[in-house]
């Protein structure tokens, strides 16, 4: 019984180590996108929307997630890498 438990633990550790090396290959922006957005729904691909639509989607989700403007900008950079669109804080308006 003890050897079975040890075997299961070893297999689990090997599986987790594989995921960590995969996550280490992600950019910080992509990691933030994945960790934030997948907590509520399946992840859409970056090419699902154009830059303007992604801006609208992210601003709409800000109210539900309490993401800061900086975090929104980081996610946006991942989704639209070549865009220079900037966010402004509209939460107090």
Protein backbone atom coordinates (compact mmCIF):
# COMPACT_ATOMS: atom_id res chain seq x y z
CA UNK A 1 0.00 0.00 0.00
CA UNK A 2 2.79 2.38 0.91
CA UNK A 3 4.58 1.77 -2.39
CA UNK A 4 1.34 2.50 -4.26
CA UNK A 5 1.00 5.88 -2.55
CA UNK A 6 4.62 6.75 -3.28
CA UNK A 7 4.18 5.77 -6.93
CA UNK A 8 1.08 7.97 -7.24
CA UNK A 9 2.92 10.90 -5.66
CA UNK A 10 5.86 10.52 -8.03
CA UNK A 11 3.59 10.38 -11.07
CA UNK A 12 1.72 13.45 -9.86
CA UNK A 13 4.97 15.38 -9.31
CA UNK A 14 6.23 14.47 -12.78
CA UNK A 15 2.95 15.62 -14.33
CA UNK A 16 3.03 18.93 -12.46
CA UNK A 17 6.65 19.55 -13.42
CA UNK A 18 5.70 19.16 -17.07
CA UNK A 19 3.01 21.81 -16.77
CA UNK A 20 5.34 24.24 -15.03
CA UNK A 21 7.87 24.05 -17.84
CA UNK A 22 5.06 24.73 -20.32
CA UNK A 23 3.81 27.72 -18.33
CA UNK A 24 7.35 29.03 -18.07
CA UNK A 25 7.39 29.40 -21.85
CA UNK A 26 4.43 31.82 -21.79
CA UNK A 27 4.88 35.57 -21.76
CA UNK A 28 3.75 37.43 -18.64
CA UNK A 29 0.93 38.97 -20.68
CA UNK A 30 -0.32 35.60 -21.87
CA UNK A 31 -0.05 34.11 -18.39
CA UNK A 32 -2.19 36.95 -16.98
CA UNK A 33 -4.74 36.47 -19.77
CA UNK A 34 -4.97 32.72 -19.17
CA UNK A 35 -5.16 32.88 -15.38
CA UNK A 36 -7.72 35.70 -15.31
CA UNK A 37 -10.02 34.77 -18.16
CA UNK A 38 -10.17 31.01 -17.76
CA UNK A 39 -11.50 31.39 -14.22
CA UNK A 40 -14.92 32.23 -15.72
CA UNK A 41 -15.04 30.82 -19.25
CA UNK A 42 -13.19 29.04 -22.05
CA UNK A 43 -10.33 31.06 -23.47
CA UNK A 44 -10.98 32.76 -26.80
CA UNK A 45 -8.13 32.86 -29.28
CA UNK A 46 -6.34 36.18 -29.77
CA UNK A 47 -7.53 36.30 -33.37
CA UNK A 48 -11.20 36.08 -32.40
CA UNK A 49 -11.62 39.88 -32.47
CA UNK A 50 -9.82 42.84 -33.98
CA UNK A 51 -7.99 45.37 -31.79
CA UNK A 52 -10.97 47.70 -31.33
CA UNK A 53 -13.32 44.89 -30.35
CA UNK A 54 -10.78 43.45 -27.87
CA UNK A 55 -10.61 46.88 -26.21
CA UNK A 56 -14.41 46.90 -25.78
CA UNK A 57 -14.45 43.31 -24.48
CA UNK A 58 -11.70 43.97 -21.94
CA UNK A 59 -13.27 47.18 -20.66
CA UNK A 60 -16.62 45.41 -20.27
CA UNK A 61 -14.97 42.59 -18.31
CA UNK A 62 -13.02 44.98 -16.08
CA UNK A 63 -16.08 45.57 -13.92
CA UNK A 64 -16.50 41.84 -13.27
CA UNK A 65 -12.84 41.08 -12.64
CA UNK A 66 -11.57 44.20 -10.86
CA UNK A 67 -8.56 44.24 -13.19
CA UNK A 68 -6.46 47.36 -13.05
CA UNK A 69 -5.87 49.49 -16.12
CA UNK A 70 -2.29 48.20 -16.18
CA UNK A 71 -3.47 44.58 -16.14
CA UNK A 72 -5.96 45.31 -18.94
CA UNK A 73 -3.14 46.83 -20.95
CA UNK A 74 -0.96 43.76 -20.39
CA UNK A 75 -3.70 41.39 -21.53
CA UNK A 76 -4.39 43.65 -24.50
CA UNK A 77 -0.71 43.56 -25.46
CA UNK A 78 -0.91 39.79 -25.60
CA UNK A 79 -4.12 39.80 -27.64
CA UNK A 80 -3.05 42.58 -30.04
CA UNK A 81 0.74 42.54 -29.91
CA UNK A 82 1.29 45.19 -32.55
CA UNK A 83 -1.27 47.70 -31.30
CA UNK A 84 -0.48 50.87 -29.36
CA UNK A 85 -4.05 51.49 -28.16
CA UNK A 86 -4.07 52.81 -24.60
CA UNK A 87 -6.72 52.34 -21.90
CA UNK A 88 -7.94 55.09 -19.63
CA UNK A 89 -9.58 54.62 -16.26
CA UNK A 90 -13.33 55.23 -16.61
CA UNK A 91 -14.37 53.54 -13.36
CA UNK A 92 -14.92 56.86 -11.54
CA UNK A 93 -16.97 58.48 -14.28
